[in-house]
Amino acid sequence: MFPILRRPPVTHQGIVIFALQLLMVVLIPVLDDGGKILPMPYAAAFLTVAMLTVRFLGYPRTAGAIAAVGIATIVSEIALPRIPSLLRLPLWLSIVAACLTSAGLCIKSAFALRMPPVQRIFCGAASFVLIGFVFASVHALVGFGTGTGYTLVGGVEQARPLRWVDFVWLSFSTLTTAGFGDVAPVNATACAIATVESLCGILFPATLIARIASLPEHPHGSDG
């Protein structure tokens, strides 16, 4: 009988994956066009990074699926007439799906028994950034969908309408529990999402640290 081939664990890709997530943060001011709708270049870059993240984690078929869905969505957004009320809804949904997939696989790798400790740390850090982008996309979907879920606070409120970058800012300030408060949820759904994100921002790092501390430095055997 032929031996069963198992997917090799990540060995040195953790730092590359983390760098890719940081790149998406750096690209926000570079590719922001000042509009309400997510810029197409940033969406394309985000889907590319999600595909590369999954590919580096050792899931080529899943990476191919993300690439196929991303290309199809972007082509349809360019080719078909834009409906203002949708605000690129298919593109947002494809980004949420890609982000959830890459975040889940990153978390799985960060908690894997056979993962080297340093790579667990980098995969865990990348997972944390990806969680922020997941919630940013959900905040944006709720905010653009309801039109009344969020507001700019204080003197900023009358300056301009909410934009996609505001939801990214809200997400990461909530996830890191910084709570700057210049963008605020105002209805029950938005508040519930922000509450769940705050809990993730507290519980996920604590759980990851506990997992890393409990595992041997040089584990043997296979994952459970």
N, C-alpha and C. Protein backbone atom coordinates (compact mmCIF):
# COMPACT_ATOMS: atom_id res chain seq x y z
N MET A 1 0.84 -1.20 0.00
CA MET A 1 0.00 0.00 0.00
C MET A 1 0.87 1.25 0.00
N PHE A 2 0.40 2.26 -0.68
CA PHE A 2 1.14 3.52 -0.71
C PHE A 2 0.90 4.29 0.57
N PRO A 3 1.93 4.97 1.07
CA PRO A 3 1.74 5.78 2.28
C PRO A 3 0.81 6.96 2.00
N ILE A 4 0.06 7.34 3.03
CA ILE A 4 -0.85 8.48 2.92
C ILE A 4 -0.03 9.76 3.04
N LEU A 5 -0.13 10.59 2.03
CA LEU A 5 0.61 11.85 2.03
C LEU A 5 -0.18 12.89 2.81
N ARG A 6 0.44 13.50 3.79
CA ARG A 6 -0.22 14.52 4.59
C ARG A 6 0.35 15.89 4.24
N ARG A 7 -0.47 16.92 4.38
CA ARG A 7 -0.04 18.28 4.10
C ARG A 7 1.07 18.68 5.06
N PRO A 8 2.23 19.07 4.57
CA PRO A 8 3.31 19.44 5.48
C PRO A 8 2.97 20.70 6.26
N PRO A 9 3.40 20.76 7.52
CA PRO A 9 3.11 21.97 8.30
C PRO A 9 3.94 23.15 7.81
N VAL A 10 3.45 24.36 8.11
CA VAL A 10 4.20 25.57 7.77
C VAL A 10 5.51 25.58 8.55
N THR A 11 6.60 25.90 7.89
CA THR A 11 7.88 25.92 8.57
C THR A 11 8.45 27.33 8.65
N HIS A 12 8.56 28.00 7.53
CA HIS A 12 9.17 29.33 7.52
C HIS A 12 8.26 30.39 6.90
N GLN A 13 7.02 30.05 6.61
CA GLN A 13 6.15 30.99 5.93
C GLN A 13 5.43 31.94 6.86
N GLY A 14 5.49 31.69 8.16
CA GLY A 14 4.73 32.50 9.10
C GLY A 14 5.04 33.97 9.02
N ILE A 15 6.31 34.31 8.94
CA ILE A 15 6.69 35.72 8.88
C ILE A 15 6.24 36.35 7.56
N VAL A 16 6.26 35.58 6.48
CA VAL A 16 5.79 36.10 5.19
C VAL A 16 4.29 36.37 5.25
N ILE A 17 3.54 35.46 5.86
CA ILE A 17 2.09 35.62 5.97
C ILE A 17 1.77 36.85 6.82
N PHE A 18 2.48 37.03 7.91
CA PHE A 18 2.26 38.20 8.76
C PHE A 18 2.60 39.48 8.01
N ALA A 19 3.68 39.45 7.23
CA ALA A 19 4.07 40.63 6.45
C ALA A 19 3.01 40.97 5.41
N LEU A 20 2.38 39.96 4.83
CA LEU A 20 1.32 40.21 3.85
C LEU A 20 0.13 40.92 4.49
N GLN A 21 -0.21 40.53 5.72
CA GLN A 21 -1.34 41.19 6.40
C GLN A 21 -0.98 42.64 6.74
N LEU A 22 0.24 42.85 7.18
CA LEU A 22 0.66 44.24 7.45
C LEU A 22 0.67 45.08 6.18
N LEU A 23 1.01 44.45 5.06
CA LEU A 23 0.99 45.16 3.78
C LEU A 23 -0.40 45.71 3.49
N MET A 24 -1.44 44.92 3.82
CA MET A 24 -2.80 45.37 3.56
C MET A 24 -3.16 46.58 4.42
N VAL A 25 -2.58 46.67 5.60
CA VAL A 25 -2.80 47.85 6.44
C VAL A 25 -2.09 49.06 5.84
N VAL A 26 -0.86 48.85 5.38
CA VAL A 26 -0.08 49.95 4.79
C VAL A 26 -0.73 50.47 3.51
N LEU A 27 -1.36 49.58 2.74
CA LEU A 27 -1.94 49.97 1.46
C LEU A 27 -3.24 50.77 1.60
N ILE A 28 -3.82 50.80 2.79
CA ILE A 28 -5.10 51.51 2.96
C ILE A 28 -4.97 52.98 2.57
N PRO A 29 -4.03 53.75 3.15
CA PRO A 29 -3.94 55.16 2.73
C PRO A 29 -3.39 55.33 1.32
N VAL A 30 -2.64 54.35 0.83
CA VAL A 30 -2.06 54.47 -0.51
C VAL A 30 -3.14 54.32 -1.58
N LEU A 31 -4.05 53.37 -1.40
CA LEU A 31 -5.06 53.07 -2.42
C LEU A 31 -6.42 53.69 -2.13
N ASP A 32 -6.57 54.38 -1.02
CA ASP A 32 -7.84 55.04 -0.72
C ASP A 32 -8.07 56.19 -1.70
N ASP A 33 -9.23 56.19 -2.34
CA ASP A 33 -9.55 57.25 -3.31
C ASP A 33 -10.47 58.30 -2.71
N GLY A 34 -10.73 58.22 -1.42
CA GLY A 34 -11.58 59.20 -0.76
C GLY A 34 -13.06 58.95 -0.94
N GLY A 35 -13.42 57.86 -1.61
CA GLY A 35 -14.82 57.58 -1.87
C GLY A 35 -15.44 56.69 -0.81
N LYS A 36 -16.75 56.57 -0.88
CA LYS A 36 -17.49 55.74 0.06
C LYS A 36 -17.30 54.27 -0.23
N ILE A 37 -17.21 53.93 -1.52
CA ILE A 37 -17.15 52.54 -1.94
C ILE A 37 -15.71 52.03 -1.91
N LEU A 38 -15.56 50.78 -1.57
CA LEU A 38 -14.25 50.14 -1.55
C LEU A 38 -13.57 50.26 -2.90
N PRO A 39 -12.34 50.82 -2.95
CA PRO A 39 -11.65 50.97 -4.25
C PRO A 39 -11.32 49.60 -4.85
N MET A 40 -11.51 49.48 -6.15
CA MET A 40 -11.25 48.21 -6.82
C MET A 40 -9.79 47.76 -6.69
N PRO A 41 -8.77 48.66 -6.80
CA PRO A 41 -7.39 48.20 -6.62
C PRO A 41 -7.14 47.58 -5.25
N TYR A 42 -7.75 48.17 -4.21
CA TYR A 42 -7.55 47.61 -2.87
C TYR A 42 -8.25 46.26 -2.75
N ALA A 43 -9.44 46.15 -3.33
CA ALA A 43 -10.14 44.87 -3.30
C ALA A 43 -9.33 43.78 -4.00
N ALA A 44 -8.75 44.12 -5.15
CA ALA A 44 -7.94 43.15 -5.88
C ALA A 44 -6.70 42.76 -5.08
N ALA A 45 -6.06 43.74 -4.45
CA ALA A 45 -4.89 43.46 -3.62
C ALA A 45 -5.26 42.59 -2.43
N PHE A 46 -6.40 42.88 -1.83
CA PHE A 46 -6.83 42.12 -0.65
C PHE A 46 -7.09 40.66 -1.01
N LEU A 47 -7.80 40.42 -2.10
CA LEU A 47 -8.08 39.05 -2.52
C LEU A 47 -6.80 38.32 -2.91
N THR A 48 -5.86 39.03 -3.51
CA THR A 48 -4.57 38.42 -3.84
C THR A 48 -3.81 38.00 -2.59
N VAL A 49 -3.81 38.87 -1.59
CA VAL A 49 -3.12 38.55 -0.33
C VAL A 49 -3.80 37.37 0.36
N ALA A 50 -5.13 37.33 0.34
CA ALA A 50 -5.84 36.20 0.95
C ALA A 50 -5.48 34.90 0.24
N MET A 51 -5.41 34.94 -1.10
CA MET A 51 -5.04 33.75 -1.86
C MET A 51 -3.63 33.31 -1.54
N LEU A 52 -2.68 34.26 -1.48
CA LEU A 52 -1.30 33.93 -1.17
C LEU A 52 -1.16 33.39 0.26
N THR A 53 -1.91 33.95 1.18
CA THR A 53 -1.87 33.48 2.56
C THR A 53 -2.27 32.02 2.64
N VAL A 54 -3.38 31.68 2.00
CA VAL A 54 -3.85 30.30 2.01
C VAL A 54 -2.87 29.39 1.29
N ARG A 55 -2.27 29.88 0.21
CA ARG A 55 -1.30 29.08 -0.54
C ARG A 55 -0.06 28.81 0.30
N PHE A 56 0.45 29.81 1.00
CA PHE A 56 1.62 29.62 1.86
C PHE A 56 1.33 28.67 3.02
N LEU A 57 0.08 28.63 3.44
CA LEU A 57 -0.30 27.73 4.53
C LEU A 57 -0.40 26.28 4.07
N GLY A 58 -0.32 26.05 2.76
CA GLY A 58 -0.31 24.69 2.24
C GLY A 58 -1.64 24.19 1.75
N TYR A 59 -2.51 25.09 1.28
CA TYR A 59 -3.83 24.70 0.78
C TYR A 59 -4.00 25.23 -0.65
N PRO A 60 -3.34 24.61 -1.63
CA PRO A 60 -3.37 25.15 -3.00
C PRO A 60 -4.75 25.14 -3.63
N ARG A 61 -5.57 24.14 -3.35
CA ARG A 61 -6.90 24.09 -3.96
C ARG A 61 -7.79 25.21 -3.41
N THR A 62 -7.72 25.44 -2.12
CA THR A 62 -8.50 26.52 -1.52
C THR A 62 -8.02 27.87 -2.05
N ALA A 63 -6.70 28.01 -2.20
CA ALA A 63 -6.15 29.25 -2.76
C ALA A 63 -6.65 29.46 -4.19
N GLY A 64 -6.71 28.38 -4.97
CA GLY A 64 -7.23 28.48 -6.33
C GLY A 64 -8.69 28.88 -6.36
N ALA A 65 -9.47 28.36 -5.40
CA ALA A 65 -10.89 28.72 -5.32
C ALA A 65 -11.05 30.21 -4.99
N ILE A 66 -10.24 30.71 -4.06
CA ILE A 66 -10.29 32.14 -3.71
C ILE A 66 -9.93 32.98 -4.93
N ALA A 67 -8.90 32.57 -5.66
CA ALA A 67 -8.49 33.31 -6.85
C ALA A 67 -9.60 33.31 -7.90
N ALA A 68 -10.23 32.16 -8.11
CA ALA A 68 -11.29 32.07 -9.12
C ALA A 68 -12.48 32.96 -8.76
N VAL A 69 -12.91 32.88 -7.51
CA VAL A 69 -14.05 33.70 -7.07
C VAL A 69 -13.70 35.18 -7.14
N GLY A 70 -12.48 35.52 -6.72
CA GLY A 70 -12.06 36.92 -6.76
C GLY A 70 -12.03 37.47 -8.17
N ILE A 71 -11.46 36.71 -9.11
CA ILE A 71 -11.39 37.17 -10.49
C ILE A 71 -12.79 37.32 -11.08
N ALA A 72 -13.65 36.33 -10.82
CA ALA A 72 -15.01 36.40 -11.35
C ALA A 72 -15.76 37.60 -10.80
N THR A 73 -15.58 37.87 -9.51
CA THR A 73 -16.29 38.99 -8.89
C THR A 73 -15.79 40.33 -9.44
N ILE A 74 -14.47 40.47 -9.55
CA ILE A 74 -13.90 41.73 -10.05
C ILE A 74 -14.30 41.96 -11.50
N VAL A 75 -14.25 40.91 -12.33
CA VAL A 75 -14.65 41.04 -13.73
C VAL A 75 -16.11 41.45 -13.84
N SER A 76 -16.97 40.83 -13.01
CA SER A 76 -18.39 41.19 -13.05
C SER A 76 -18.62 42.62 -12.60
N GLU A 77 -17.84 43.07 -11.60
CA GLU A 77 -17.98 44.45 -11.14
C GLU A 77 -17.59 45.45 -12.22
N ILE A 78 -16.57 45.09 -13.00
CA ILE A 78 -16.10 45.98 -14.06
C ILE A 78 -17.03 45.94 -15.27
N ALA A 79 -17.48 44.73 -15.62
CA ALA A 79 -18.24 44.56 -16.86
C ALA A 79 -19.70 44.96 -16.73
N LEU A 80 -20.31 44.67 -15.58
CA LEU A 80 -21.74 44.91 -15.44
C LEU A 80 -22.01 46.32 -14.94
N PRO A 81 -23.14 46.89 -15.28
CA PRO A 81 -23.49 48.22 -14.76
C PRO A 81 -23.62 48.19 -13.24
N ARG A 82 -23.10 49.20 -12.60
CA ARG A 82 -23.13 49.24 -11.14
C ARG A 82 -24.49 49.73 -10.65
N ILE A 83 -25.03 49.01 -9.68
CA ILE A 83 -26.29 49.41 -9.05
C ILE A 83 -25.92 50.13 -7.75
N PRO A 84 -26.20 51.43 -7.64
CA PRO A 84 -25.74 52.19 -6.47
C PRO A 84 -26.18 51.61 -5.14
N SER A 85 -27.37 51.03 -5.08
CA SER A 85 -27.87 50.52 -3.80
C SER A 85 -27.11 49.31 -3.31
N LEU A 86 -26.45 48.58 -4.24
CA LEU A 86 -25.72 47.38 -3.83
C LEU A 86 -24.35 47.71 -3.24
N LEU A 87 -23.74 48.85 -3.66
CA LEU A 87 -22.45 49.27 -3.13
C LEU A 87 -21.41 48.15 -3.16
N ARG A 88 -21.35 47.49 -4.33
CA ARG A 88 -20.38 46.40 -4.53
C ARG A 88 -20.58 45.28 -3.52
N LEU A 89 -21.83 44.90 -3.27
CA LEU A 89 -22.14 43.85 -2.31
C LEU A 89 -21.47 42.52 -2.65
N PRO A 90 -21.51 42.04 -3.92
CA PRO A 90 -20.82 40.78 -4.22
C PRO A 90 -19.32 40.84 -3.88
N LEU A 91 -18.70 41.99 -4.14
CA LEU A 91 -17.28 42.12 -3.83
C LEU A 91 -17.03 42.06 -2.33
N TRP A 92 -17.88 42.75 -1.56
CA TRP A 92 -17.75 42.68 -0.10
C TRP A 92 -17.91 41.24 0.40
N LEU A 93 -18.91 40.54 -0.15
CA LEU A 93 -19.16 39.17 0.30
C LEU A 93 -17.99 38.25 -0.05
N SER A 94 -17.39 38.44 -1.23
CA SER A 94 -16.23 37.61 -1.60
C SER A 94 -15.05 37.91 -0.70
N ILE A 95 -14.89 39.17 -0.30
CA ILE A 95 -13.81 39.53 0.61
C ILE A 95 -14.04 38.93 2.00
N VAL A 96 -15.29 38.98 2.47
CA VAL A 96 -15.61 38.36 3.77
C VAL A 96 -15.30 36.87 3.73
N ALA A 97 -15.72 36.19 2.66
CA ALA A 97 -15.47 34.75 2.54
C ALA A 97 -13.98 34.44 2.50
N ALA A 98 -13.22 35.21 1.69
CA ALA A 98 -11.78 34.98 1.59
C ALA A 98 -11.09 35.26 2.91
N CYS A 99 -11.54 36.31 3.59
CA CYS A 99 -10.94 36.69 4.86
C CYS A 99 -11.22 35.64 5.93
N LEU A 100 -12.46 35.16 5.99
CA LEU A 100 -12.81 34.12 6.97
C LEU A 100 -12.01 32.85 6.72
N THR A 101 -11.86 32.49 5.45
CA THR A 101 -11.11 31.27 5.12
C THR A 101 -9.66 31.39 5.52
N SER A 102 -9.02 32.49 5.13
CA SER A 102 -7.60 32.65 5.46
C SER A 102 -7.39 32.82 6.96
N ALA A 103 -8.31 33.50 7.65
CA ALA A 103 -8.19 33.65 9.10
C ALA A 103 -8.34 32.30 9.79
N GLY A 104 -9.32 31.50 9.36
CA GLY A 104 -9.52 30.19 9.97
C GLY A 104 -8.32 29.27 9.79
N LEU A 105 -7.74 29.28 8.60
CA LEU A 105 -6.58 28.42 8.35
C LEU A 105 -5.34 28.93 9.09
N CYS A 106 -5.23 30.25 9.24
CA CYS A 106 -4.13 30.82 10.02
C CYS A 106 -4.24 30.40 11.49
N ILE A 107 -5.46 30.48 12.02
CA ILE A 107 -5.68 30.08 13.41
C ILE A 107 -5.37 28.59 13.59
N LYS A 108 -5.81 27.79 12.63
CA LYS A 108 -5.53 26.35 12.69
C LYS A 108 -4.03 26.09 12.72
N SER A 109 -3.27 26.82 11.89
CA SER A 109 -1.82 26.65 11.87
C SER A 109 -1.18 27.16 13.15
N ALA A 110 -1.71 28.26 13.70
CA ALA A 110 -1.14 28.81 14.93
C ALA A 110 -1.32 27.87 16.11
N PHE A 111 -2.37 27.07 16.09
CA PHE A 111 -2.66 26.15 17.19
C PHE A 111 -2.18 24.73 16.90
N ALA A 112 -1.55 24.51 15.75
CA ALA A 112 -1.12 23.16 15.38
C ALA A 112 0.02 22.67 16.27
N LEU A 113 -0.03 21.40 16.61
CA LEU A 113 0.97 20.83 17.51
C LEU A 113 2.35 20.80 16.87
N ARG A 114 2.42 20.50 15.57
CA ARG A 114 3.71 20.34 14.91
C ARG A 114 4.31 21.66 14.42
N MET A 115 3.62 22.76 14.64
CA MET A 115 4.13 24.06 14.20
C MET A 115 5.27 24.52 15.10
N PRO A 116 6.42 24.94 14.53
CA PRO A 116 7.50 25.51 15.36
C PRO A 116 6.99 26.72 16.13
N PRO A 117 7.47 26.93 17.36
CA PRO A 117 6.94 28.02 18.21
C PRO A 117 6.98 29.39 17.56
N VAL A 118 8.09 29.73 16.89
CA VAL A 118 8.19 31.05 16.27
C VAL A 118 7.13 31.22 15.19
N GLN A 119 6.89 30.17 14.41
CA GLN A 119 5.89 30.25 13.35
C GLN A 119 4.48 30.32 13.92
N ARG A 120 4.25 29.70 15.08
CA ARG A 120 2.95 29.84 15.75
C ARG A 120 2.68 31.30 16.08
N ILE A 121 3.72 31.97 16.55
CA ILE A 121 3.56 33.38 16.93
C ILE A 121 3.20 34.22 15.71
N PHE A 122 3.93 34.03 14.61
CA PHE A 122 3.66 34.82 13.42
C PHE A 122 2.29 34.50 12.83
N CYS A 123 1.92 33.22 12.80
CA CYS A 123 0.60 32.85 12.28
C CYS A 123 -0.50 33.39 13.19
N GLY A 124 -0.25 33.37 14.50
CA GLY A 124 -1.22 33.95 15.43
C GLY A 124 -1.38 35.44 15.24
N ALA A 125 -0.26 36.15 15.03
CA ALA A 125 -0.32 37.58 14.78
C ALA A 125 -1.06 37.88 13.48
N ALA A 126 -0.78 37.08 12.44
CA ALA A 126 -1.48 37.26 11.16
C ALA A 126 -2.97 37.00 11.33
N SER A 127 -3.32 36.00 12.14
CA SER A 127 -4.73 35.70 12.40
C SER A 127 -5.42 36.88 13.06
N PHE A 128 -4.73 37.53 13.97
CA PHE A 128 -5.32 38.67 14.69
C PHE A 128 -5.63 39.81 13.72
N VAL A 129 -4.70 40.08 12.80
CA VAL A 129 -4.93 41.12 11.80
C VAL A 129 -6.09 40.73 10.87
N LEU A 130 -6.13 39.46 10.49
CA LEU A 130 -7.21 38.99 9.62
C LEU A 130 -8.57 39.09 10.30
N ILE A 131 -8.61 38.81 11.59
CA ILE A 131 -9.86 38.95 12.34
C ILE A 131 -10.34 40.40 12.27
N GLY A 132 -9.40 41.34 12.37
CA GLY A 132 -9.76 42.74 12.26
C GLY A 132 -10.37 43.07 10.91
N PHE A 133 -9.82 42.49 9.84
CA PHE A 133 -10.38 42.74 8.51
C PHE A 133 -11.74 42.06 8.34
N VAL A 134 -11.91 40.88 8.94
CA VAL A 134 -13.22 40.22 8.89
C VAL A 134 -14.29 41.12 9.49
N PHE A 135 -14.03 41.63 10.68
CA PHE A 135 -15.01 42.48 11.34
C PHE A 135 -15.19 43.81 10.61
N ALA A 136 -14.11 44.33 10.01
CA ALA A 136 -14.24 45.57 9.23
C ALA A 136 -15.21 45.37 8.07
N SER A 137 -15.13 44.22 7.41
CA SER A 137 -16.03 43.93 6.30
C SER A 137 -17.47 43.77 6.80
N VAL A 138 -17.65 43.12 7.94
CA VAL A 138 -19.00 42.95 8.49
C VAL A 138 -19.57 44.31 8.91
N HIS A 139 -18.75 45.14 9.57
CA HIS A 139 -19.20 46.48 9.94
C HIS A 139 -19.65 47.26 8.70
N ALA A 140 -18.85 47.17 7.63
CA ALA A 140 -19.17 47.91 6.42
C ALA A 140 -20.47 47.41 5.79
N LEU A 141 -20.66 46.08 5.76
CA LEU A 141 -21.89 45.53 5.20
C LEU A 141 -23.11 46.01 5.97
N VAL A 142 -23.02 46.00 7.30
CA VAL A 142 -24.14 46.45 8.13
C VAL A 142 -24.33 47.96 7.98
N GLY A 143 -23.22 48.70 8.01
CA GLY A 143 -23.31 50.15 7.91
C GLY A 143 -23.88 50.63 6.59
N PHE A 144 -23.36 50.08 5.49
CA PHE A 144 -23.87 50.49 4.18
C PHE A 144 -25.26 49.93 3.93
N GLY A 145 -25.53 48.76 4.50
CA GLY A 145 -26.84 48.14 4.28
C GLY A 145 -27.97 48.86 4.99
N THR A 146 -27.73 49.26 6.25
CA THR A 146 -28.78 49.93 7.02
C THR A 146 -28.77 51.44 6.83
N GLY A 147 -27.58 51.98 6.66
CA GLY A 147 -27.45 53.42 6.52
C GLY A 147 -27.54 54.19 7.81
N THR A 148 -27.89 53.48 8.90
CA THR A 148 -28.06 54.16 10.20
C THR A 148 -27.35 53.43 11.33
N GLY A 149 -26.51 52.45 10.99
CA GLY A 149 -25.90 51.63 12.04
C GLY A 149 -24.73 52.29 12.75
N TYR A 150 -24.08 53.24 12.10
CA TYR A 150 -22.87 53.85 12.64
C TYR A 150 -22.90 55.36 12.40
N THR A 151 -22.11 56.06 13.17
CA THR A 151 -22.05 57.50 13.00
C THR A 151 -20.66 58.01 13.37
N LEU A 152 -20.27 59.10 12.77
CA LEU A 152 -19.07 59.81 13.17
C LEU A 152 -19.41 60.69 14.37
N VAL A 153 -18.55 60.70 15.36
CA VAL A 153 -18.86 61.31 16.64
C VAL A 153 -18.31 62.73 16.73
N GLY A 154 -19.02 63.58 17.43
CA GLY A 154 -18.52 64.90 17.78
C GLY A 154 -18.39 65.81 16.58
N GLY A 155 -17.27 66.56 16.56
CA GLY A 155 -17.07 67.56 15.52
C GLY A 155 -16.86 66.96 14.15
N VAL A 156 -16.54 65.67 14.09
CA VAL A 156 -16.29 65.04 12.79
C VAL A 156 -17.60 64.73 12.09
N GLU A 157 -18.69 64.63 12.84
CA GLU A 157 -19.94 64.07 12.31
C GLU A 157 -20.45 64.81 11.09
N GLN A 158 -20.40 66.14 11.09
CA GLN A 158 -20.95 66.91 9.99
C GLN A 158 -19.94 67.16 8.87
N ALA A 159 -18.71 66.68 9.04
CA ALA A 159 -17.67 66.99 8.07
C ALA A 159 -17.84 66.19 6.78
N ARG A 160 -18.23 64.93 6.86
CA ARG A 160 -18.31 64.06 5.68
C ARG A 160 -19.12 62.82 6.02
N PRO A 161 -19.59 62.09 5.02
CA PRO A 161 -20.29 60.82 5.28
C PRO A 161 -19.29 59.72 5.62
N LEU A 162 -19.80 58.63 6.16
CA LEU A 162 -18.96 57.48 6.47
C LEU A 162 -18.39 56.88 5.19
N ARG A 163 -17.12 56.45 5.26
CA ARG A 163 -16.45 55.81 4.14
C ARG A 163 -15.98 54.43 4.56
N TRP A 164 -15.50 53.65 3.60
CA TRP A 164 -15.07 52.29 3.91
C TRP A 164 -13.90 52.27 4.88
N VAL A 165 -13.01 53.30 4.82
CA VAL A 165 -11.86 53.32 5.72
C VAL A 165 -12.29 53.54 7.17
N ASP A 166 -13.45 54.17 7.37
CA ASP A 166 -13.94 54.38 8.73
C ASP A 166 -14.26 53.04 9.40
N PHE A 167 -14.76 52.10 8.64
CA PHE A 167 -15.10 50.79 9.21
C PHE A 167 -13.85 49.98 9.51
N VAL A 168 -12.81 50.15 8.70
CA VAL A 168 -11.53 49.50 9.01
C VAL A 168 -10.95 50.08 10.31
N TRP A 169 -11.01 51.40 10.42
CA TRP A 169 -10.52 52.08 11.62
C TRP A 169 -11.31 51.65 12.85
N LEU A 170 -12.64 51.61 12.72
CA LEU A 170 -13.50 51.18 13.82
C LEU A 170 -13.16 49.76 14.25
N SER A 171 -12.97 48.88 13.27
CA SER A 171 -12.71 47.48 13.58
C SER A 171 -11.43 47.30 14.38
N PHE A 172 -10.35 47.91 13.92
CA PHE A 172 -9.07 47.69 14.60
C PHE A 172 -9.00 48.43 15.94
N SER A 173 -9.66 49.57 16.05
CA SER A 173 -9.67 50.24 17.35
C SER A 173 -10.52 49.47 18.35
N THR A 174 -11.54 48.75 17.87
CA THR A 174 -12.35 47.91 18.74
C THR A 174 -11.63 46.62 19.09
N LEU A 175 -11.02 45.97 18.08
CA LEU A 175 -10.33 44.70 18.31
C LEU A 175 -9.18 44.86 19.28
N THR A 176 -8.45 45.96 19.17
CA THR A 176 -7.32 46.18 20.07
C THR A 176 -7.73 46.84 21.38
N THR A 177 -9.04 47.06 21.54
CA THR A 177 -9.62 47.71 22.72
C THR A 177 -9.06 49.11 22.95
N ALA A 178 -8.56 49.76 21.88
CA ALA A 178 -8.09 51.14 22.01
C ALA A 178 -9.27 52.08 22.21
N GLY A 179 -10.35 51.84 21.45
CA GLY A 179 -11.58 52.58 21.64
C GLY A 179 -11.45 54.08 21.49
N PHE A 180 -10.96 54.55 20.34
CA PHE A 180 -10.77 55.99 20.15
C PHE A 180 -12.09 56.74 20.11
N GLY A 181 -13.16 56.09 19.65
CA GLY A 181 -14.48 56.66 19.78
C GLY A 181 -14.90 57.67 18.75
N ASP A 182 -14.13 57.85 17.65
CA ASP A 182 -14.55 58.81 16.64
C ASP A 182 -15.54 58.20 15.66
N VAL A 183 -15.65 56.87 15.61
CA VAL A 183 -16.70 56.18 14.87
C VAL A 183 -17.41 55.28 15.86
N ALA A 184 -18.73 55.34 15.90
CA ALA A 184 -19.46 54.62 16.94
C ALA A 184 -20.65 53.86 16.36
N PRO A 185 -20.90 52.63 16.84
CA PRO A 185 -22.14 51.92 16.47
C PRO A 185 -23.32 52.54 17.21
N VAL A 186 -24.47 52.60 16.53
CA VAL A 186 -25.62 53.26 17.15
C VAL A 186 -26.89 52.41 17.17
N ASN A 187 -26.92 51.27 16.47
CA ASN A 187 -28.10 50.42 16.59
C ASN A 187 -27.71 49.07 17.19
N ALA A 188 -28.70 48.24 17.45
CA ALA A 188 -28.46 47.00 18.20
C ALA A 188 -27.53 46.05 17.45
N THR A 189 -27.72 45.92 16.14
CA THR A 189 -26.88 45.00 15.36
C THR A 189 -25.43 45.45 15.37
N ALA A 190 -25.19 46.72 15.12
CA ALA A 190 -23.83 47.24 15.10
C ALA A 190 -23.17 47.11 16.47
N CYS A 191 -23.92 47.39 17.53
CA CYS A 191 -23.38 47.27 18.88
C CYS A 191 -23.03 45.82 19.21
N ALA A 192 -23.87 44.89 18.76
CA ALA A 192 -23.60 43.47 19.01
C ALA A 192 -22.33 43.02 18.30
N ILE A 193 -22.14 43.46 17.05
CA ILE A 193 -20.93 43.11 16.31
C ILE A 193 -19.70 43.68 17.01
N ALA A 194 -19.78 44.92 17.46
CA ALA A 194 -18.66 45.54 18.16
C ALA A 194 -18.36 44.82 19.47
N THR A 195 -19.41 44.35 20.16
CA THR A 195 -19.20 43.62 21.41
C THR A 195 -18.48 42.30 21.17
N VAL A 196 -18.92 41.57 20.15
CA VAL A 196 -18.27 40.29 19.82
C VAL A 196 -16.81 40.54 19.44
N GLU A 197 -16.57 41.59 18.67
CA GLU A 197 -15.19 41.89 18.27
C GLU A 197 -14.33 42.25 19.47
N SER A 198 -14.87 42.99 20.42
CA SER A 198 -14.11 43.32 21.63
C SER A 198 -13.73 42.06 22.40
N LEU A 199 -14.67 41.12 22.50
CA LEU A 199 -14.38 39.86 23.19
C LEU A 199 -13.29 39.07 22.45
N CYS A 200 -13.36 39.06 21.12
CA CYS A 200 -12.30 38.38 20.34
C CYS A 200 -10.95 39.04 20.58
N GLY A 201 -10.95 40.36 20.67
CA GLY A 201 -9.69 41.08 20.90
C GLY A 201 -9.06 40.77 22.24
N ILE A 202 -9.88 40.38 23.22
CA ILE A 202 -9.35 40.04 24.54
C ILE A 202 -9.03 38.55 24.63
N LEU A 203 -9.95 37.72 24.15
CA LEU A 203 -9.83 36.27 24.37
C LEU A 203 -8.86 35.59 23.42
N PHE A 204 -8.80 36.04 22.16
CA PHE A 204 -7.94 35.35 21.21
C PHE A 204 -6.46 35.43 21.58
N PRO A 205 -5.89 36.62 21.87
CA PRO A 205 -4.48 36.65 22.27
C PRO A 205 -4.21 35.84 23.52
N ALA A 206 -5.13 35.88 24.50
CA ALA A 206 -4.93 35.11 25.73
C ALA A 206 -4.91 33.62 25.45
N THR A 207 -5.82 33.18 24.58
CA THR A 207 -5.89 31.76 24.24
C THR A 207 -4.65 31.33 23.46
N LEU A 208 -4.21 32.16 22.53
CA LEU A 208 -3.02 31.83 21.74
C LEU A 208 -1.79 31.75 22.63
N ILE A 209 -1.62 32.71 23.53
CA ILE A 209 -0.46 32.69 24.43
C ILE A 209 -0.49 31.44 25.30
N ALA A 210 -1.66 31.10 25.81
CA ALA A 210 -1.78 29.89 26.65
C ALA A 210 -1.43 28.65 25.84
N ARG A 211 -1.86 28.60 24.59
CA ARG A 211 -1.57 27.45 23.74
C ARG A 211 -0.07 27.33 23.47
N ILE A 212 0.56 28.46 23.13
CA ILE A 212 1.99 28.44 22.85
C ILE A 212 2.77 28.02 24.08
N ALA A 213 2.38 28.54 25.24
CA ALA A 213 3.09 28.22 26.48
C ALA A 213 2.91 26.77 26.89
N SER A 214 1.81 26.14 26.50
CA SER A 214 1.53 24.78 26.95
C SER A 214 2.15 23.71 26.07
N LEU A 215 2.62 24.09 24.88
CA LEU A 215 3.16 23.10 23.96
C LEU A 215 4.67 22.96 24.11
N PRO A 216 5.21 21.76 23.90
CA PRO A 216 6.66 21.58 23.96
C PRO A 216 7.34 22.32 22.83
N GLU A 217 8.59 22.69 23.05
CA GLU A 217 9.33 23.44 22.04
C GLU A 217 9.60 22.62 20.81
N HIS A 218 9.86 21.33 20.98
CA HIS A 218 10.15 20.45 19.84
C HIS A 218 9.19 19.27 19.92
N PRO A 219 7.93 19.44 19.50
CA PRO A 219 6.94 18.38 19.59
C PRO A 219 7.24 17.26 18.61
N HIS A 220 6.82 16.05 19.00
CA HIS A 220 6.97 14.89 18.12
C HIS A 220 5.59 14.32 17.87
N GLY A 221 5.47 13.55 16.81
CA GLY A 221 4.19 12.95 16.49
C GLY A 221 3.37 13.87 15.61
N SER A 222 2.17 13.46 15.39
CA SER A 222 1.30 14.19 14.49
C SER A 222 0.24 14.94 15.26
N ASP A 223 -0.45 15.83 14.53
CA ASP A 223 -1.53 16.59 15.15
C ASP A 223 -2.68 15.68 15.49
N GLY A 224 -3.42 16.12 16.53
CA GLY A 224 -4.60 15.34 16.90
C GLY A 224 -5.77 15.71 16.03
